[in-house]
């Protein structure tokens, strides 16, 4: 179990994470119900135990809290994947009703993110839609993974973002599968 605590003038976060859990135990309270829903999708479909409590300056806006959760979750994931030998790569083509999203990840130690989520609304569930790309970028940089998310088509903005979170969950679940064989020709990641 990995524990990350972060306290700034803007946020306080307490997070514990265990990947490859047999029975996902998920408890999330960020003060943003739609964000809680998306993080629950990530943890539940990824097969993680995740406990997350956030207090943030939500009266200002959603930026600081979402960004700091991404930092903490990314740092925890980095510690988790570095602690075991993994399959390394994961991918998922995920349909969510009328939406189809491709996700690919590489647990490589080089943080990078490419995200194509073409929202048609400025806000969804009380959260600025621009924050989702920022969340995934910040998460990938702190997890030190390559993360690619590309939506092929959609009509419903809720399905667009939920499909992305579920796609990331399944791609990470595949990449985090324990593997005894080396996944690099360099000898070290």
Protein backbone atom coordinates (compact mmCIF):
# COMPACT_ATOMS: atom_id res chain seq x y z
CA UNK A 1 0.00 0.00 0.00
CA UNK A 2 1.40 3.38 -1.00
CA UNK A 3 0.52 6.51 0.94
CA UNK A 4 0.86 10.06 -0.36
CA UNK A 5 0.02 13.15 1.70
CA UNK A 6 0.16 16.65 0.26
CA UNK A 7 -0.61 19.91 2.03
CA UNK A 8 -0.37 23.30 0.36
CA UNK A 9 -2.04 26.64 0.96
CA UNK A 10 -4.66 25.51 -1.58
CA UNK A 11 -5.20 21.79 -0.92
CA UNK A 12 -4.87 18.97 1.57
CA UNK A 13 -4.78 15.46 0.12
CA UNK A 14 -4.56 12.06 1.81
CA UNK A 15 -4.24 9.17 -0.62
CA UNK A 16 -3.51 5.45 -0.35
CA UNK A 17 -3.18 3.20 -3.39
CA UNK A 18 -2.72 -0.50 -4.01
CA UNK A 19 -2.69 -1.73 -7.61
CA UNK A 20 -3.57 -5.30 -8.63
CA UNK A 21 -6.15 -5.68 -5.86
CA UNK A 22 -8.37 -8.75 -5.84
CA UNK A 23 -11.43 -6.86 -4.54
CA UNK A 24 -11.23 -3.14 -5.25
CA UNK A 25 -11.98 -1.07 -2.17
CA UNK A 26 -12.61 2.52 -3.26
CA UNK A 27 -13.38 5.50 -1.01
CA UNK A 28 -13.18 8.94 -2.63
CA UNK A 29 -14.22 12.35 -1.37
CA UNK A 30 -12.87 15.36 -3.25
CA UNK A 31 -15.82 17.70 -2.75
CA UNK A 32 -16.47 17.41 -6.51
CA UNK A 33 -19.01 14.59 -7.01
CA UNK A 34 -18.37 14.24 -10.76
CA UNK A 35 -14.60 14.02 -10.16
CA UNK A 36 -15.28 11.37 -7.50
CA UNK A 37 -17.30 9.43 -10.08
CA UNK A 38 -14.48 9.54 -12.65
CA UNK A 39 -11.82 8.53 -10.10
CA UNK A 40 -14.08 5.68 -8.95
CA UNK A 41 -14.24 4.46 -12.56
CA UNK A 42 -10.44 4.59 -12.81
CA UNK A 43 -9.86 2.69 -9.57
CA UNK A 44 -12.70 0.17 -9.89
CA UNK A 45 -12.01 -0.78 -13.51
CA UNK A 46 -8.24 -0.67 -12.91
CA UNK A 47 -8.49 -3.15 -10.04
CA UNK A 48 -7.11 -0.77 -7.42
CA UNK A 49 -7.69 -0.14 -3.77
CA UNK A 50 -7.90 3.64 -3.55
CA UNK A 51 -8.64 5.86 -0.60
CA UNK A 52 -8.65 9.57 -1.36
CA UNK A 53 -9.69 12.55 0.73
CA UNK A 54 -9.21 16.06 -0.65
CA UNK A 55 -10.06 19.48 0.69
CA UNK A 56 -9.33 22.36 -1.65
CA UNK A 57 -10.12 25.98 -2.39
CA UNK A 58 -13.13 25.02 -4.51
CA UNK A 59 -14.65 28.44 -3.90
CA UNK A 60 -11.85 29.77 -6.16
CA UNK A 61 -12.28 27.11 -8.87
CA UNK A 62 -11.64 23.44 -9.62
CA UNK A 63 -8.04 23.79 -10.83
CA UNK A 64 -5.93 23.41 -7.67
CA UNK A 65 -7.78 20.39 -6.31
CA UNK A 66 -7.89 18.43 -9.56
CA UNK A 67 -4.26 19.24 -10.35
CA UNK A 68 -3.05 18.22 -6.88
CA UNK A 69 -5.00 14.97 -6.96
CA UNK A 70 -3.34 14.21 -10.31
CA UNK A 71 0.08 14.93 -8.77
CA UNK A 72 -0.56 12.64 -5.79
CA UNK A 73 -2.18 9.85 -7.79
CA UNK A 74 0.64 10.00 -10.34
CA UNK A 75 3.31 9.85 -7.62
CA UNK A 76 1.58 6.87 -6.02
CA UNK A 77 1.26 5.06 -9.34
CA UNK A 78 4.95 5.68 -10.06
CA UNK A 79 5.92 4.08 -6.75
CA UNK A 80 3.59 1.15 -7.45
CA UNK A 81 4.90 0.34 -10.92
CA UNK A 82 8.54 0.81 -9.93
CA UNK A 83 8.11 -1.65 -7.05
CA UNK A 84 7.33 -4.62 -9.32
CA UNK A 85 8.22 -6.05 -12.70
CA UNK A 86 5.33 -5.21 -15.06
CA UNK A 87 4.12 -6.09 -18.51
CA UNK A 88 4.89 -2.37 -19.18
CA UNK A 89 2.55 -1.68 -22.12
CA UNK A 90 -1.22 -1.50 -22.03
CA UNK A 91 -3.89 -0.46 -24.45
CA UNK A 92 -7.65 -0.32 -24.76
CA UNK A 93 -10.12 0.61 -27.44
CA UNK A 94 -13.12 1.44 -25.28
CA UNK A 95 -16.69 1.94 -26.48
CA UNK A 96 -18.98 3.94 -24.20
CA UNK A 97 -22.34 3.91 -25.96
CA UNK A 98 -21.88 6.23 -28.98
CA UNK A 99 -18.34 7.22 -27.96
CA UNK A 100 -15.15 5.33 -28.94
CA UNK A 101 -11.82 6.14 -27.32
CA UNK A 102 -8.36 4.62 -27.74
CA UNK A 103 -5.92 4.63 -24.81
CA UNK A 104 -2.32 3.43 -24.79
CA UNK A 105 0.19 3.53 -21.91
CA UNK A 106 3.87 2.75 -21.44
CA UNK A 107 5.33 2.46 -17.94
CA UNK A 108 8.68 3.77 -19.10
CA UNK A 109 9.96 6.42 -16.69
CA UNK A 110 9.50 9.18 -19.25
CA UNK A 111 6.39 11.21 -18.51
CA UNK A 112 4.46 12.36 -21.56
CA UNK A 113 0.79 12.78 -22.44
CA UNK A 114 -1.13 13.31 -25.66
CA UNK A 115 -4.85 13.85 -25.17
CA UNK A 116 -7.59 14.37 -27.75
CA UNK A 117 -10.90 14.87 -25.98
CA UNK A 118 -12.89 17.34 -28.13
CA UNK A 119 -15.57 18.46 -25.65
CA UNK A 120 -18.51 20.47 -26.96
CA UNK A 121 -19.27 21.98 -23.52
CA UNK A 122 -17.17 24.28 -21.33
CA UNK A 123 -18.31 22.58 -18.12
CA UNK A 124 -19.46 19.10 -17.21
CA UNK A 125 -20.57 18.10 -13.74
CA UNK A 126 -19.50 21.49 -12.43
CA UNK A 127 -15.92 21.01 -13.69
CA UNK A 128 -14.25 22.94 -16.50
CA UNK A 129 -13.74 20.49 -19.36
CA UNK A 130 -10.25 21.91 -19.97
CA UNK A 131 -9.28 20.38 -16.62
CA UNK A 132 -9.53 16.82 -17.93
CA UNK A 133 -6.60 17.20 -20.33
CA UNK A 134 -4.67 18.93 -17.54
CA UNK A 135 -5.52 16.09 -15.13
CA UNK A 136 -4.22 13.41 -17.50
CA UNK A 137 -1.09 15.41 -18.37
CA UNK A 138 -0.24 16.06 -14.71
CA UNK A 139 -1.00 12.44 -13.79
CA UNK A 140 1.24 11.08 -16.58
CA UNK A 141 4.15 13.41 -15.76
CA UNK A 142 4.06 12.46 -12.08
CA UNK A 143 3.56 8.74 -12.79
CA UNK A 144 6.44 8.96 -15.29
CA UNK A 145 4.43 7.14 -17.95
CA UNK A 146 3.55 7.76 -21.58
CA UNK A 147 -0.22 8.22 -21.82
CA UNK A 148 -2.11 8.62 -25.10
CA UNK A 149 -5.86 9.20 -25.18
CA UNK A 150 -7.60 9.68 -28.52
CA UNK A 151 -11.34 9.91 -28.92
CA UNK A 152 -12.49 8.73 -32.36
CA UNK A 153 -16.05 10.03 -32.09
CA UNK A 154 -18.78 10.87 -29.56
CA UNK A 155 -22.03 12.77 -29.08
CA UNK A 156 -22.43 12.83 -25.30
CA UNK A 157 -19.78 14.69 -23.26
CA UNK A 158 -20.35 12.48 -20.19
CA UNK A 159 -19.65 9.38 -22.30
CA UNK A 160 -16.55 11.06 -23.74
CA UNK A 161 -14.86 11.59 -20.37
CA UNK A 162 -16.12 8.41 -18.71
CA UNK A 163 -14.89 6.38 -21.68
CA UNK A 164 -11.48 8.02 -21.32
CA UNK A 165 -11.22 7.20 -17.61
CA UNK A 166 -12.34 3.60 -18.15
CA UNK A 167 -9.94 3.25 -21.09
CA UNK A 168 -7.06 4.51 -18.95
CA UNK A 169 -8.09 2.08 -16.20
CA UNK A 170 -8.01 -0.97 -18.48
CA UNK A 171 -4.80 0.09 -20.24
CA UNK A 172 -3.07 0.55 -16.88
CA UNK A 173 -4.47 -2.73 -15.59
CA UNK A 174 -2.84 -4.49 -18.55
CA UNK A 175 0.45 -2.59 -18.20
CA UNK A 176 0.60 -3.30 -14.44
CA UNK A 177 0.21 -7.05 -14.92
CA UNK A 178 3.17 -8.66 -13.14
CA UNK A 179 5.80 -9.96 -15.55
CA UNK A 180 9.10 -11.69 -14.76
CA UNK A 181 10.61 -11.07 -18.21
CA UNK A 182 12.51 -7.83 -18.90
CA UNK A 183 10.44 -5.35 -20.89
CA UNK A 184 13.35 -3.26 -22.13
CA UNK A 185 16.37 -3.90 -24.31
CA UNK A 186 18.20 -1.10 -22.44
CA UNK A 187 18.38 -3.19 -19.28
CA UNK A 188 16.75 -0.55 -17.10
CA UNK A 189 13.79 1.82 -17.34
